[in-house]
């Protein structure tokens, strides 16, 4: 019985994703974000059906496990655009490094000024790191891994919703800059959205997400104690 419930919930989530993806492509609007719509739809369905979060957890764990293999798919546009990566290798590395340092430092210092507890500050500091890395960094630093995942999801959703409208407003049209910025700050969701805009944006988003995760894994355990 538990197996059937888990299977149903996985199928339900996939169906909601397909519907939300169709809406996102049909209506080009920031609030037509796949994750934003999908999260709301899943919550509504679970609430109306009386299915608890504990019952949904096994299905969620299986889908989260598949995040790793799905991330490897970003290697394809990266391979196709490898010449661009070679050309802009130094600016790419510097931009990603500064992006990771600035986003982690700013959120911790602002939160510390507001009197937030250490566990919350650690979780918030990983908001722009892809989920698997954020979980491990939070554990190492004594933060709440559940909160780290929540902040990652919120940052990725908000970043992917607002990035391209902001680019348009600021007249940022370079595809390399677009992909690097959204991949660094909005990790997986941002990289996935950038891939919809073009192969160059997708390649830059993928490499930004990967390098930001690697850099964060090495730097945050040393940076956070100094900031805290």
C-alpha atoms as a PDB file:
ATOM      1  CA  UNK A   1       0.000   0.000   0.000  1.00  0.00           C
ATOM      2  CA  UNK A   2       2.819   2.411   0.878  1.00  0.00           C
ATOM      3  CA  UNK A   3       4.480   1.577  -2.444  1.00  0.00           C
ATOM      4  CA  UNK A   4       1.306   2.430  -4.366  1.00  0.00           C
ATOM      5  CA  UNK A   5       0.931   5.739  -2.514  1.00  0.00           C
ATOM      6  CA  UNK A   6       4.559   6.642  -3.252  1.00  0.00           C
ATOM      7  CA  UNK A   7       4.133   5.702  -6.923  1.00  0.00           C
ATOM      8  CA  UNK A   8       0.934   7.770  -7.156  1.00  0.00           C
ATOM      9  CA  UNK A   9       2.618  10.796  -5.576  1.00  0.00           C
ATOM     10  CA  UNK A  10       5.589  10.594  -7.961  1.00  0.00           C
ATOM     11  CA  UNK A  11       3.237  10.360 -10.958  1.00  0.00           C
ATOM     12  CA  UNK A  12       1.163  13.236  -9.578  1.00  0.00           C
ATOM     13  CA  UNK A  13       4.254  15.420  -9.182  1.00  0.00           C
ATOM     14  CA  UNK A  14       5.431  14.630 -12.714  1.00  0.00           C
ATOM     15  CA  UNK A  15       1.976  15.426 -14.119  1.00  0.00           C
ATOM     16  CA  UNK A  16       1.937  18.759 -12.271  1.00  0.00           C
ATOM     17  CA  UNK A  17       5.401  19.525 -13.607  1.00  0.00           C
ATOM     18  CA  UNK A  18       4.329  18.841 -17.205  1.00  0.00           C
ATOM     19  CA  UNK A  19       1.271  21.075 -16.855  1.00  0.00           C
ATOM     20  CA  UNK A  20       3.245  23.897 -15.223  1.00  0.00           C
ATOM     21  CA  UNK A  21       5.965  23.628 -17.852  1.00  0.00           C
ATOM     22  CA  UNK A  22       3.356  23.979 -20.594  1.00  0.00           C
ATOM     23  CA  UNK A  23       1.917  27.059 -18.884  1.00  0.00           C
ATOM     24  CA  UNK A  24       5.388  28.566 -18.414  1.00  0.00           C
ATOM     25  CA  UNK A  25       6.168  28.255 -22.127  1.00  0.00           C
ATOM     26  CA  UNK A  26       2.741  29.484 -23.203  1.00  0.00           C
ATOM     27  CA  UNK A  27       2.580  32.504 -20.896  1.00  0.00           C
ATOM     28  CA  UNK A  28       5.949  34.268 -20.644  1.00  0.00           C
ATOM     29  CA  UNK A  29       5.510  35.872 -17.240  1.00  0.00           C
ATOM     30  CA  UNK A  30       7.679  35.781 -14.065  1.00  0.00           C
ATOM     31  CA  UNK A  31       4.858  34.239 -12.029  1.00  0.00           C
ATOM     32  CA  UNK A  32       4.472  31.459 -14.602  1.00  0.00           C
ATOM     33  CA  UNK A  33       7.558  29.872 -13.057  1.00  0.00           C
ATOM     34  CA  UNK A  34       7.523  26.069 -13.126  1.00  0.00           C
ATOM     35  CA  UNK A  35       8.742  25.584  -9.544  1.00  0.00           C
ATOM     36  CA  UNK A  36       6.548  28.370  -8.169  1.00  0.00           C
ATOM     37  CA  UNK A  37       3.404  27.001  -9.831  1.00  0.00           C
ATOM     38  CA  UNK A  38       4.344  23.383  -9.211  1.00  0.00           C
ATOM     39  CA  UNK A  39       5.011  23.873  -5.500  1.00  0.00           C
ATOM     40  CA  UNK A  40       1.694  25.649  -5.028  1.00  0.00           C
ATOM     41  CA  UNK A  41      -0.147  22.951  -6.990  1.00  0.00           C
ATOM     42  CA  UNK A  42       1.419  20.087  -5.001  1.00  0.00           C
ATOM     43  CA  UNK A  43       0.545  21.784  -1.698  1.00  0.00           C
ATOM     44  CA  UNK A  44      -3.044  22.297  -2.828  1.00  0.00           C
ATOM     45  CA  UNK A  45      -3.432  18.692  -3.991  1.00  0.00           C
ATOM     46  CA  UNK A  46      -1.933  17.284  -0.779  1.00  0.00           C
ATOM     47  CA  UNK A  47      -4.162  19.535   1.351  1.00  0.00           C
ATOM     48  CA  UNK A  48      -7.377  18.677  -0.517  1.00  0.00           C
ATOM     49  CA  UNK A  49      -6.615  14.944  -0.642  1.00  0.00           C
ATOM     50  CA  UNK A  50      -5.648  14.724   3.041  1.00  0.00           C
ATOM     51  CA  UNK A  51      -2.235  13.234   2.254  1.00  0.00           C
ATOM     52  CA  UNK A  52       0.297  14.209   4.918  1.00  0.00           C
ATOM     53  CA  UNK A  53       3.829  15.467   4.342  1.00  0.00           C
ATOM     54  CA  UNK A  54       5.140  12.280   5.997  1.00  0.00           C
ATOM     55  CA  UNK A  55       3.380  10.231   3.317  1.00  0.00           C
ATOM     56  CA  UNK A  56       4.823  12.447   0.589  1.00  0.00           C
ATOM     57  CA  UNK A  57       8.379  12.221   1.985  1.00  0.00           C
ATOM     58  CA  UNK A  58       9.367   8.857   0.357  1.00  0.00           C
ATOM     59  CA  UNK A  59       8.305  10.165  -3.060  1.00  0.00           C
ATOM     60  CA  UNK A  60      10.168  13.418  -2.435  1.00  0.00           C
ATOM     61  CA  UNK A  61      13.343  11.566  -1.400  1.00  0.00           C
ATOM     62  CA  UNK A  62      13.333   9.510  -4.613  1.00  0.00           C
ATOM     63  CA  UNK A  63      12.935  12.617  -6.762  1.00  0.00           C
ATOM     64  CA  UNK A  64      15.630  14.511  -4.837  1.00  0.00           C
ATOM     65  CA  UNK A  65      17.992  11.556  -5.385  1.00  0.00           C
ATOM     66  CA  UNK A  66      17.513  12.042  -9.141  1.00  0.00           C
ATOM     67  CA  UNK A  67      18.757  15.645  -8.897  1.00  0.00           C
ATOM     68  CA  UNK A  68      22.343  14.414  -9.135  1.00  0.00           C
ATOM     69  CA  UNK A  69      21.968  12.517 -12.430  1.00  0.00           C
ATOM     70  CA  UNK A  70      19.812  15.336 -13.838  1.00  0.00           C
ATOM     71  CA  UNK A  71      22.577  17.856 -13.135  1.00  0.00           C
ATOM     72  CA  UNK A  72      24.934  15.882 -15.378  1.00  0.00           C
ATOM     73  CA  UNK A  73      22.709  16.808 -18.344  1.00  0.00           C
ATOM     74  CA  UNK A  74      24.178  20.339 -18.187  1.00  0.00           C
ATOM     75  CA  UNK A  75      27.422  18.854 -19.516  1.00  0.00           C
ATOM     76  CA  UNK A  76      25.927  18.655 -23.029  1.00  0.00           C
ATOM     77  CA  UNK A  77      25.455  22.398 -23.734  1.00  0.00           C
ATOM     78  CA  UNK A  78      28.742  23.003 -21.911  1.00  0.00           C
ATOM     79  CA  UNK A  79      30.485  20.665 -24.354  1.00  0.00           C
ATOM     80  CA  UNK A  80      28.927  22.393 -27.352  1.00  0.00           C
ATOM     81  CA  UNK A  81      30.039  25.813 -26.064  1.00  0.00           C
ATOM     82  CA  UNK A  82      33.482  24.794 -24.814  1.00  0.00           C
ATOM     83  CA  UNK A  83      35.190  27.369 -27.056  1.00  0.00           C
ATOM     84  CA  UNK A  84      33.344  30.189 -25.265  1.00  0.00           C
ATOM     85  CA  UNK A  85      34.400  28.741 -21.911  1.00  0.00           C
ATOM     86  CA  UNK A  86      38.048  28.721 -23.001  1.00  0.00           C
ATOM     87  CA  UNK A  87      37.789  32.319 -24.230  1.00  0.00           C
ATOM     88  CA  UNK A  88      36.243  33.680 -21.028  1.00  0.00           C
ATOM     89  CA  UNK A  89      37.810  31.267 -18.535  1.00  0.00           C
ATOM     90  CA  UNK A  90      39.428  33.894 -16.277  1.00  0.00           C
ATOM     91  CA  UNK A  91      36.423  36.298 -16.156  1.00  0.00           C
ATOM     92  CA  UNK A  92      34.140  33.311 -15.536  1.00  0.00           C
ATOM     93  CA  UNK A  93      36.185  32.141 -12.555  1.00  0.00           C
ATOM     94  CA  UNK A  94      36.540  35.618 -11.036  1.00  0.00           C
ATOM     95  CA  UNK A  95      32.850  36.429 -11.539  1.00  0.00           C
ATOM     96  CA  UNK A  96      31.673  33.202  -9.917  1.00  0.00           C
ATOM     97  CA  UNK A  97      34.105  33.578  -7.009  1.00  0.00           C
ATOM     98  CA  UNK A  98      32.981  37.148  -6.289  1.00  0.00           C
ATOM     99  CA  UNK A  99      29.341  36.129  -6.653  1.00  0.00           C
ATOM    100  CA  UNK A 100      29.661  33.347  -4.072  1.00  0.00           C
ATOM    101  CA  UNK A 101      31.585  35.522  -1.598  1.00  0.00           C
ATOM    102  CA  UNK A 102      29.263  38.509  -1.907  1.00  0.00           C
ATOM    103  CA  UNK A 103      25.980  36.605  -1.616  1.00  0.00           C
ATOM    104  CA  UNK A 104      27.126  34.534   1.387  1.00  0.00           C
ATOM    105  CA  UNK A 105      28.744  37.479   3.189  1.00  0.00           C
ATOM    106  CA  UNK A 106      25.878  39.912   2.631  1.00  0.00           C
ATOM    107  CA  UNK A 107      23.115  37.584   3.843  1.00  0.00           C
ATOM    108  CA  UNK A 108      25.069  36.552   6.969  1.00  0.00           C
ATOM    109  CA  UNK A 109      25.994  40.128   7.910  1.00  0.00           C
ATOM    110  CA  UNK A 110      22.445  41.396   7.349  1.00  0.00           C
ATOM    111  CA  UNK A 111      21.003  38.501   9.337  1.00  0.00           C
ATOM    112  CA  UNK A 112      23.545  38.960  12.111  1.00  0.00           C
ATOM    113  CA  UNK A 113      22.644  42.661  12.319  1.00  0.00           C
ATOM    114  CA  UNK A 114      19.007  41.581  12.652  1.00  0.00           C
ATOM    115  CA  UNK A 115      19.837  39.264  15.566  1.00  0.00           C
ATOM    116  CA  UNK A 116      19.092  35.959  13.827  1.00  0.00           C
ATOM    117  CA  UNK A 117      20.409  32.761  15.490  1.00  0.00           C
ATOM    118  CA  UNK A 118      23.516  31.007  14.188  1.00  0.00           C
ATOM    119  CA  UNK A 119      21.610  27.952  12.878  1.00  0.00           C
ATOM    120  CA  UNK A 120      19.453  30.190  10.706  1.00  0.00           C
ATOM    121  CA  UNK A 121      22.413  32.261   9.493  1.00  0.00           C
ATOM    122  CA  UNK A 122      24.295  29.115   8.427  1.00  0.00           C
ATOM    123  CA  UNK A 123      21.252  27.834   6.529  1.00  0.00           C
ATOM    124  CA  UNK A 124      20.758  31.212   4.854  1.00  0.00           C
ATOM    125  CA  UNK A 125      24.413  31.413   3.811  1.00  0.00           C
ATOM    126  CA  UNK A 126      23.959  28.360   1.567  1.00  0.00           C
ATOM    127  CA  UNK A 127      20.946  29.797  -0.270  1.00  0.00           C
ATOM    128  CA  UNK A 128      22.809  30.195  -3.569  1.00  0.00           C
ATOM    129  CA  UNK A 129      24.456  26.768  -3.473  1.00  0.00           C
ATOM    130  CA  UNK A 130      22.898  23.743  -5.133  1.00  0.00           C
ATOM    131  CA  UNK A 131      20.919  21.578  -2.697  1.00  0.00           C
ATOM    132  CA  UNK A 132      23.312  18.595  -2.190  1.00  0.00           C
ATOM    133  CA  UNK A 133      26.234  20.921  -1.349  1.00  0.00           C
ATOM    134  CA  UNK A 134      24.051  23.163   0.825  1.00  0.00           C
ATOM    135  CA  UNK A 135      22.949  20.192   2.936  1.00  0.00           C
ATOM    136  CA  UNK A 136      26.525  19.076   3.606  1.00  0.00           C
ATOM    137  CA  UNK A 137      27.816  22.589   4.372  1.00  0.00           C
ATOM    138  CA  UNK A 138      24.922  23.171   6.768  1.00  0.00           C
ATOM    139  CA  UNK A 139      25.700  19.913   8.575  1.00  0.00           C
ATOM    140  CA  UNK A 140      29.406  20.747   8.863  1.00  0.00           C
ATOM    141  CA  UNK A 141      28.697  24.216  10.251  1.00  0.00           C
ATOM    142  CA  UNK A 142      26.000  23.087  12.686  1.00  0.00           C
ATOM    143  CA  UNK A 143      23.087  24.514  10.719  1.00  0.00           C
ATOM    144  CA  UNK A 144      19.701  23.001   9.926  1.00  0.00           C
ATOM    145  CA  UNK A 145      19.884  21.076   6.638  1.00  0.00           C
ATOM    146  CA  UNK A 146      16.107  21.271   6.224  1.00  0.00           C
ATOM    147  CA  UNK A 147      16.217  25.060   6.419  1.00  0.00           C
ATOM    148  CA  UNK A 148      19.158  25.088   4.009  1.00  0.00           C
ATOM    149  CA  UNK A 149      17.070  23.206   1.443  1.00  0.00           C
ATOM    150  CA  UNK A 150      14.155  25.589   1.973  1.00  0.00           C
ATOM    151  CA  UNK A 151      16.325  28.683   1.448  1.00  0.00           C
ATOM    152  CA  UNK A 152      17.900  27.104  -1.637  1.00  0.00           C
ATOM    153  CA  UNK A 153      14.467  26.443  -3.106  1.00  0.00           C
ATOM    154  CA  UNK A 154      13.246  29.965  -2.330  1.00  0.00           C
ATOM    155  CA  UNK A 155      16.377  31.565  -3.787  1.00  0.00           C
ATOM    156  CA  UNK A 156      16.291  29.430  -6.910  1.00  0.00           C
ATOM    157  CA  UNK A 157      12.598  30.115  -7.467  1.00  0.00           C
ATOM    158  CA  UNK A 158      12.817  33.871  -6.900  1.00  0.00           C
ATOM    159  CA  UNK A 159      16.033  34.137  -8.922  1.00  0.00           C
ATOM    160  CA  UNK A 160      14.632  32.257 -11.894  1.00  0.00           C
ATOM    161  CA  UNK A 161      11.429  34.322 -11.745  1.00  0.00           C
ATOM    162  CA  UNK A 162      13.124  37.726 -11.681  1.00  0.00           C
ATOM    163  CA  UNK A 163      16.453  37.268 -13.487  1.00  0.00           C
ATOM    164  CA  UNK A 164      15.417  37.836 -17.089  1.00  0.00           C
ATOM    165  CA  UNK A 165      12.984  40.700 -16.334  1.00  0.00           C
ATOM    166  CA  UNK A 166      15.893  42.364 -14.469  1.00  0.00           C
ATOM    167  CA  UNK A 167      18.221  41.697 -17.412  1.00  0.00           C
ATOM    168  CA  UNK A 168      15.682  43.323 -19.705  1.00  0.00           C
ATOM    169  CA  UNK A 169      15.264  46.323 -17.434  1.00  0.00           C
ATOM    170  CA  UNK A 170      19.025  46.813 -17.061  1.00  0.00           C
ATOM    171  CA  UNK A 171      19.616  46.015 -20.757  1.00  0.00           C
ATOM    172  CA  UNK A 172      21.958  43.120 -20.029  1.00  0.00           C
ATOM    173  CA  UNK A 173      21.883  41.276 -23.340  1.00  0.00           C
ATOM    174  CA  UNK A 174      25.157  39.332 -23.333  1.00  0.00           C
ATOM    175  CA  UNK A 175      24.257  35.609 -23.101  1.00  0.00           C
ATOM    176  CA  UNK A 176      27.490  34.760 -21.247  1.00  0.00           C
ATOM    177  CA  UNK A 177      26.788  37.325 -18.528  1.00  0.00           C
ATOM    178  CA  UNK A 178      23.136  36.231 -18.282  1.00  0.00           C
ATOM    179  CA  UNK A 179      23.997  32.567 -17.827  1.00  0.00           C
ATOM    180  CA  UNK A 180      26.810  33.170 -15.337  1.00  0.00           C
ATOM    181  CA  UNK A 181      24.759  35.461 -13.116  1.00  0.00           C
ATOM    182  CA  UNK A 182      21.677  33.266 -12.882  1.00  0.00           C
ATOM    183  CA  UNK A 183      23.705  30.050 -12.520  1.00  0.00           C
ATOM    184  CA  UNK A 184      25.782  31.512  -9.684  1.00  0.00           C
ATOM    185  CA  UNK A 185      22.901  32.990  -7.700  1.00  0.00           C
ATOM    186  CA  UNK A 186      19.934  30.737  -8.540  1.00  0.00           C
ATOM    187  CA  UNK A 187      21.855  27.419  -8.979  1.00  0.00           C
ATOM    188  CA  UNK A 188      19.867  24.522 -10.514  1.00  0.00           C
ATOM    189  CA  UNK A 189      16.622  26.350 -11.202  1.00  0.00           C
ATOM    190  CA  UNK A 190      18.460  29.278 -12.713  1.00  0.00           C
ATOM    191  CA  UNK A 191      20.635  27.025 -14.865  1.00  0.00           C
ATOM    192  CA  UNK A 192      17.567  25.131 -16.097  1.00  0.00           C
ATOM    193  CA  UNK A 193      15.824  28.395 -17.006  1.00  0.00           C
ATOM    194  CA  UNK A 194      18.918  29.725 -18.760  1.00  0.00           C
ATOM    195  CA  UNK A 195      18.975  26.592 -20.914  1.00  0.00           C
ATOM    196  CA  UNK A 196      15.486  27.475 -22.140  1.00  0.00           C
ATOM    197  CA  UNK A 197      16.805  30.858 -23.316  1.00  0.00           C
ATOM    198  CA  UNK A 198      19.635  29.415 -25.408  1.00  0.00           C
ATOM    199  CA  UNK A 199      22.572  27.022 -25.464  1.00  0.00           C
ATOM    200  CA  UNK A 200      25.099  29.714 -24.554  1.00  0.00           C
ATOM    201  CA  UNK A 201      23.094  30.826 -21.516  1.00  0.00           C
ATOM    202  CA  UNK A 202      22.550  27.177 -20.580  1.00  0.00           C
ATOM    203  CA  UNK A 203      26.233  26.318 -20.841  1.00  0.00           C
ATOM    204  CA  UNK A 204      27.238  29.337 -18.739  1.00  0.00           C
ATOM    205  CA  UNK A 205      24.472  28.619 -16.214  1.00  0.00           C
ATOM    206  CA  UNK A 206      25.627  25.026 -15.875  1.00  0.00           C
ATOM    207  CA  UNK A 207      29.294  25.857 -15.371  1.00  0.00           C
ATOM    208  CA  UNK A 208      28.402  28.664 -12.951  1.00  0.00           C
ATOM    209  CA  UNK A 209      26.235  26.337 -10.872  1.00  0.00           C
ATOM    210  CA  UNK A 210      28.951  23.653 -10.758  1.00  0.00           C
ATOM    211  CA  UNK A 211      31.875  25.974  -9.985  1.00  0.00           C
ATOM    212  CA  UNK A 212      29.876  27.949  -7.427  1.00  0.00           C
ATOM    213  CA  UNK A 213      29.016  24.697  -5.650  1.00  0.00           C
ATOM    214  CA  UNK A 214      32.639  23.521  -5.643  1.00  0.00           C
ATOM    215  CA  UNK A 215      33.960  26.911  -4.523  1.00  0.00           C
ATOM    216  CA  UNK A 216      31.316  27.177  -1.794  1.00  0.00           C
ATOM    217  CA  UNK A 217      32.101  23.700  -0.469  1.00  0.00           C
ATOM    218  CA  UNK A 218      35.736  24.719   0.069  1.00  0.00           C
ATOM    219  CA  UNK A 219      35.270  28.335   1.143  1.00  0.00           C
ATOM    220  CA  UNK A 220      32.100  28.526   3.262  1.00  0.00           C
ATOM    221  CA  UNK A 221      33.393  26.319   6.137  1.00  0.00           C
ATOM    222  CA  UNK A 222      36.272  28.822   6.558  1.00  0.00           C
ATOM    223  CA  UNK A 223      34.354  32.018   5.715  1.00  0.00           C
ATOM    224  CA  UNK A 224      31.322  31.506   7.928  1.00  0.00           C
ATOM    225  CA  UNK A 225      33.198  31.237  11.279  1.00  0.00           C
ATOM    226  CA  UNK A 226      34.869  34.577  10.535  1.00  0.00           C
ATOM    227  CA  UNK A 227      31.559  36.221   9.672  1.00  0.00           C
ATOM    228  CA  UNK A 228      29.736  34.707  12.633  1.00  0.00           C
END
